[in-house]
Amino acid sequence: MRIGAFEFSPALLPSLATLVLLPVLVGLGMWQLDRAEWKQGLIDTHKDRTGRARAPLDQLYAKGTEVEYRAVAALGSYDLGHQLLLDNRTYNGQAGYHVLTPLVLADTGSVVLVNRGWIPLGQKRGILPELPGPADELVVNGILKLPPQRIFRLGMEEEAGTGWPRVVQQIEIPRLEELLGRRLLPYLLLLDKDDEYGFIRDWRPVYGISPDKHRAYALQWFTLALVLLLIYIGVNTKRITKPTTENDDEEA
């Protein structure tokens, strides 16, 4: 194909390589843009719901509305005799647990697990920490959070032992219901930072890579696609040289 003083004559091997790589690079860029949009949606949802007025947990849950990240108040009493220690939690590089305490709601008798925060592991794993708390009925304020949807297991799911508190490796509601012998609401209640009956609480939304970072990755993939296309065109395009005539030779 001739374009002005240039001729584009693609070879087979570069054409096949470009046909394979170019859609891959563009597809990776589009995937990063989709991830950025999804992450931005999570951030916007978290900001919107946490900014709403605190609502009673029973009433909010009964309406069947989206309640994750909502600030709620729950009236009930802690079951201090059946607490859970979520293993492999770190804080400032130190190993420890998250303390999960069942809260029996006063109005309905339903049970929600309250994450009361992080505590250090201690000198020996076999010696579990003390988990003090109030025995009387009280109002617990916090943020509702869905348990992780993806469960990864390495080795034993739970440490050996039948006493309480019980160490667990994952938050898997059906298994915890069997362990506690109670029906649980499908949410965790992240205890407010100013509650006097909690431990170390540094709740932060976990989104992984930020939307801006995903957009930057998308730009990189699109740039690579453009560079590949320019290289392909450059390699397969040649300038048409004017043939030398006999008259030109004589004049020279």
Protein backbone atom coordinates (compact mmCIF):
# COMPACT_ATOMS: atom_id res chain seq x y z
CA MET A 1 0.00 0.00 0.00
CA ARG A 2 1.48 3.31 -1.13
CA ILE A 3 1.00 6.50 0.88
CA GLY A 4 2.67 9.47 -0.77
CA ALA A 5 6.40 8.88 -0.83
CA PHE A 6 6.11 5.83 1.44
CA GLU A 7 5.08 2.22 0.90
CA PHE A 8 3.52 0.13 3.66
CA SER A 9 4.30 -3.54 3.04
CA PRO A 10 3.73 -5.58 6.20
CA ALA A 11 5.60 -8.84 6.64
CA LEU A 12 3.82 -11.94 7.91
CA LEU A 13 5.64 -12.45 11.23
CA PRO A 14 5.36 -8.85 12.52
CA SER A 15 1.71 -8.78 11.46
CA LEU A 16 0.90 -11.95 13.39
CA ALA A 17 2.75 -10.73 16.48
CA THR A 18 0.93 -7.39 16.39
CA LEU A 19 -2.45 -9.04 15.88
CA VAL A 20 -1.84 -11.12 19.01
CA LEU A 21 -0.24 -8.53 21.29
CA LEU A 22 -2.22 -5.41 20.46
CA PRO A 23 -5.64 -6.70 21.64
CA VAL A 24 -3.99 -8.07 24.79
CA LEU A 25 -2.45 -4.71 25.68
CA VAL A 26 -5.67 -2.80 24.96
CA GLY A 27 -7.68 -5.39 26.91
CA LEU A 28 -5.41 -5.01 29.95
CA GLY A 29 -5.86 -1.26 29.81
CA MET A 30 -9.65 -1.58 29.66
CA TRP A 31 -9.56 -4.05 32.57
CA GLN A 32 -7.62 -1.55 34.68
CA LEU A 33 -10.20 1.14 33.87
CA ASP A 34 -13.00 -1.23 34.93
CA ARG A 35 -11.16 -1.92 38.20
CA ALA A 36 -10.75 1.81 38.79
CA GLU A 37 -14.48 2.35 38.31
CA TRP A 38 -15.32 -0.53 40.66
CA LYS A 39 -12.94 0.72 43.35
CA GLN A 40 -14.32 4.24 43.04
CA GLY A 41 -17.81 2.82 43.53
CA LEU A 42 -16.70 1.11 46.75
CA ILE A 43 -15.16 4.32 48.04
CA ASP A 44 -18.25 6.36 47.20
CA THR A 45 -20.53 3.78 48.84
CA HIS A 46 -18.41 3.72 52.01
CA LYS A 47 -18.36 7.51 52.20
CA ASP A 48 -22.11 7.80 51.65
CA ARG A 49 -23.15 5.14 54.16
CA THR A 50 -20.75 6.06 56.93
CA GLY A 51 -21.96 9.65 56.63
CA ARG A 52 -25.56 8.75 57.39
CA ALA A 53 -27.12 9.10 60.82
CA ARG A 54 -26.65 6.21 63.24
CA ALA A 55 -29.62 3.81 63.19
CA PRO A 56 -30.82 1.03 65.52
CA LEU A 57 -29.40 -2.26 64.25
CA ASP A 58 -32.65 -4.24 64.64
CA GLN A 59 -34.71 -1.74 62.68
CA LEU A 60 -32.14 -1.27 59.96
CA TYR A 61 -31.61 -4.99 59.43
CA ALA A 62 -35.35 -5.73 59.46
CA LYS A 63 -35.89 -3.39 56.50
CA GLY A 64 -33.65 -5.55 54.34
CA THR A 65 -31.75 -2.55 53.02
CA GLU A 66 -28.04 -2.41 52.24
CA VAL A 67 -26.51 -2.02 55.67
CA GLU A 68 -22.80 -2.57 55.14
CA TYR A 69 -20.74 0.42 56.36
CA ARG A 70 -23.76 1.86 58.17
CA ALA A 71 -23.24 3.31 61.65
CA VAL A 72 -25.56 1.47 64.02
CA ALA A 73 -26.45 1.23 67.68
CA ALA A 74 -27.23 -2.19 69.15
CA LEU A 75 -28.80 -2.80 72.58
CA GLY A 76 -27.80 -6.13 74.08
CA SER A 77 -25.41 -8.01 76.31
CA TYR A 78 -22.07 -9.62 75.57
CA ASP A 79 -21.66 -13.39 75.81
CA LEU A 80 -18.25 -13.20 77.46
CA GLY A 81 -18.10 -16.94 77.98
CA HIS A 82 -17.94 -17.72 74.25
CA GLN A 83 -15.48 -15.30 72.70
CA LEU A 84 -13.41 -15.91 69.58
CA LEU A 85 -9.85 -14.90 68.76
CA LEU A 86 -9.30 -14.32 65.04
CA ASP A 87 -5.74 -15.40 64.43
CA ASN A 88 -2.99 -13.94 62.22
CA ARG A 89 -3.93 -10.28 62.68
CA THR A 90 -1.05 -7.82 62.75
CA TYR A 91 -0.76 -4.28 64.03
CA ASN A 92 2.38 -2.19 63.49
CA GLY A 93 4.20 -5.35 62.51
CA GLN A 94 3.27 -7.24 65.70
CA ALA A 95 1.31 -10.51 65.61
CA GLY A 96 -1.96 -10.80 67.49
CA TYR A 97 -5.68 -11.46 67.38
CA HIS A 98 -8.93 -9.69 66.72
CA VAL A 99 -11.39 -10.24 69.56
CA LEU A 100 -14.84 -11.32 68.34
CA THR A 101 -17.46 -11.20 71.08
CA PRO A 102 -21.07 -12.38 70.51
CA LEU A 103 -23.63 -9.66 71.33
CA VAL A 104 -27.12 -10.97 72.12
CA LEU A 105 -29.59 -8.30 71.00
CA ALA A 106 -32.18 -7.37 73.61
CA ASP A 107 -35.23 -6.99 71.37
CA THR A 108 -34.93 -10.04 69.12
CA GLY A 109 -32.42 -12.37 70.76
CA SER A 110 -30.42 -12.34 67.53
CA VAL A 111 -26.65 -12.47 67.82
CA VAL A 112 -24.06 -10.35 66.04
CA LEU A 113 -20.32 -10.73 66.38
CA VAL A 114 -18.64 -7.57 67.63
CA ASN A 115 -15.03 -7.06 66.63
CA ARG A 116 -13.69 -5.34 69.74
CA GLY A 117 -10.26 -4.74 68.26
CA TRP A 118 -6.72 -6.07 68.24
CA ILE A 119 -4.68 -7.54 71.08
CA PRO A 120 -1.07 -8.82 70.97
CA LEU A 121 -0.24 -12.49 70.78
CA GLY A 122 1.72 -12.66 74.03
CA GLN A 123 4.87 -14.52 74.93
CA LYS A 124 3.43 -18.02 74.37
CA ARG A 125 0.79 -19.04 71.83
CA GLY A 126 -0.59 -21.66 74.18
CA ILE A 127 -1.48 -19.04 76.80
CA LEU A 128 -4.49 -17.05 75.60
CA PRO A 129 -5.04 -13.47 76.74
CA GLU A 130 -7.69 -12.32 79.16
CA LEU A 131 -10.72 -10.77 77.43
CA PRO A 132 -12.56 -8.63 79.97
CA GLY A 133 -15.86 -6.95 79.19
CA PRO A 134 -19.12 -5.71 80.71
CA ALA A 135 -21.63 -8.23 82.01
CA ASP A 136 -24.63 -5.87 82.01
CA GLU A 137 -26.87 -4.86 79.13
CA LEU A 138 -25.48 -1.90 77.18
CA VAL A 139 -25.66 0.01 73.92
CA VAL A 140 -22.89 -0.91 71.48
CA ASN A 141 -22.07 1.53 68.69
CA GLY A 142 -20.17 0.52 65.60
CA ILE A 143 -19.98 0.10 61.84
CA LEU A 144 -21.45 -2.94 60.10
CA LYS A 145 -19.11 -4.86 57.82
CA LEU A 146 -19.58 -7.96 55.69
CA PRO A 147 -17.16 -10.83 56.40
CA PRO A 148 -14.65 -11.53 53.60
CA GLN A 149 -16.28 -13.40 50.73
CA ARG A 150 -13.17 -15.33 49.71
CA ILE A 151 -11.94 -17.90 52.20
CA PHE A 152 -8.32 -19.08 51.96
CA ARG A 153 -7.18 -21.90 54.16
CA LEU A 154 -3.64 -23.00 54.89
CA GLY A 155 -3.27 -26.10 57.01
CA MET A 156 -5.53 -26.48 60.03
CA GLU A 157 -8.59 -24.25 60.08
CA GLU A 158 -8.68 -24.00 63.85
CA GLU A 159 -6.20 -24.60 66.58
CA ALA A 160 -6.67 -27.61 68.78
CA GLY A 161 -8.67 -27.15 71.95
CA THR A 162 -12.24 -27.08 73.15
CA GLY A 163 -12.13 -24.34 75.76
CA TRP A 164 -12.93 -20.67 75.52
CA PRO A 165 -11.90 -18.30 74.15
CA ARG A 166 -11.52 -20.25 70.92
CA VAL A 167 -8.90 -19.40 68.29
CA VAL A 168 -10.21 -19.38 64.71
CA GLN A 169 -8.46 -18.74 61.43
CA GLN A 170 -11.33 -17.41 59.33
CA ILE A 171 -14.64 -15.59 59.67
CA GLU A 172 -17.01 -18.06 58.08
CA ILE A 173 -20.49 -17.49 59.48
CA PRO A 174 -21.93 -21.06 59.03
CA ARG A 175 -18.92 -22.62 60.76
CA LEU A 176 -18.98 -20.09 63.58
CA GLU A 177 -22.69 -20.74 64.08
CA GLU A 178 -21.88 -24.42 64.61
CA LEU A 179 -19.07 -23.52 66.99
CA LEU A 180 -21.18 -21.11 69.05
CA GLY A 181 -24.47 -23.00 68.78
CA ARG A 182 -26.24 -19.75 67.81
CA ARG A 183 -27.68 -18.15 64.70
CA LEU A 184 -25.60 -15.16 63.70
CA LEU A 185 -26.43 -12.07 61.69
CA PRO A 186 -24.35 -12.12 58.48
CA TYR A 187 -22.36 -9.05 59.53
CA LEU A 188 -19.58 -8.02 61.85
CA LEU A 189 -19.97 -4.98 64.06
CA LEU A 190 -16.71 -3.00 64.16
CA LEU A 191 -16.72 -1.40 67.59
CA ASP A 192 -16.41 2.38 67.71
CA LYS A 193 -12.97 3.66 68.64
CA ASP A 194 -14.23 5.55 71.68
CA ASP A 195 -15.99 2.56 73.27
CA GLU A 196 -14.37 1.88 76.65
CA TYR A 197 -14.79 -1.91 76.39
CA GLY A 198 -12.67 -2.42 73.30
CA PHE A 199 -9.04 -3.03 72.49
CA ILE A 200 -6.87 -1.43 69.79
CA ARG A 201 -9.13 -0.29 66.94
CA ASP A 202 -7.67 1.28 63.83
CA TRP A 203 -10.44 0.59 61.36
CA ARG A 204 -9.59 1.58 57.83
CA PRO A 205 -11.37 0.63 54.62
CA VAL A 206 -9.24 -1.83 52.66
CA TYR A 207 -9.44 -1.23 48.93
CA GLY A 208 -6.00 -2.38 47.86
CA ILE A 209 -4.83 -0.40 44.85
CA SER A 210 -6.43 3.05 44.58
CA PRO A 211 -8.56 4.06 41.55
CA ASP A 212 -5.87 6.55 40.50
CA LYS A 213 -3.26 3.79 40.52
CA HIS A 214 -5.50 1.61 38.35
CA ARG A 215 -5.89 4.51 35.90
CA ALA A 216 -2.11 4.96 35.82
CA TYR A 217 -1.69 1.26 35.03
CA ALA A 218 -4.31 1.59 32.27
CA LEU A 219 -2.36 4.48 30.75
CA GLN A 220 0.79 2.35 30.78
CA TRP A 221 -0.93 -0.50 28.92
CA PHE A 222 -2.44 1.89 26.36
CA THR A 223 0.98 3.51 25.87
CA LEU A 224 2.57 0.12 25.25
CA ALA A 225 -0.17 -0.65 22.72
CA LEU A 226 0.53 2.63 20.93
CA VAL A 227 4.29 2.02 20.93
CA LEU A 228 3.74 -1.47 19.51
CA LEU A 229 1.55 -0.08 16.75
CA LEU A 230 4.09 2.64 15.88
CA ILE A 231 6.93 0.09 15.80
CA TYR A 232 4.86 -2.17 13.56
CA ILE A 233 4.16 0.67 11.15
CA GLY A 234 7.76 1.88 11.20
CA VAL A 235 9.28 -1.55 10.59
CA ASN A 236 6.99 -2.25 7.65
CA THR A 237 7.08 1.17 5.98
CA LYS A 238 9.80 2.21 3.53
CA ARG A 239 10.44 5.41 1.59
CA ILE A 240 10.08 5.01 -2.13
CA THR A 241 13.33 6.00 -3.79
CA LYS A 242 13.24 7.64 -7.20
CA PRO A 243 14.97 5.44 -9.80
CA THR A 244 18.15 6.81 -11.29
CA THR A 245 17.93 7.63 -15.05
CA GLU A 246 20.71 7.74 -17.68
CA ASN A 247 20.29 11.52 -18.04
CA ASP A 248 20.90 11.96 -14.33
CA ASP A 249 24.11 9.99 -14.68
CA GLU A 250 25.32 12.12 -17.60
CA GLU A 251 24.58 15.37 -15.77
CA ALA A 252 26.51 14.14 -12.81
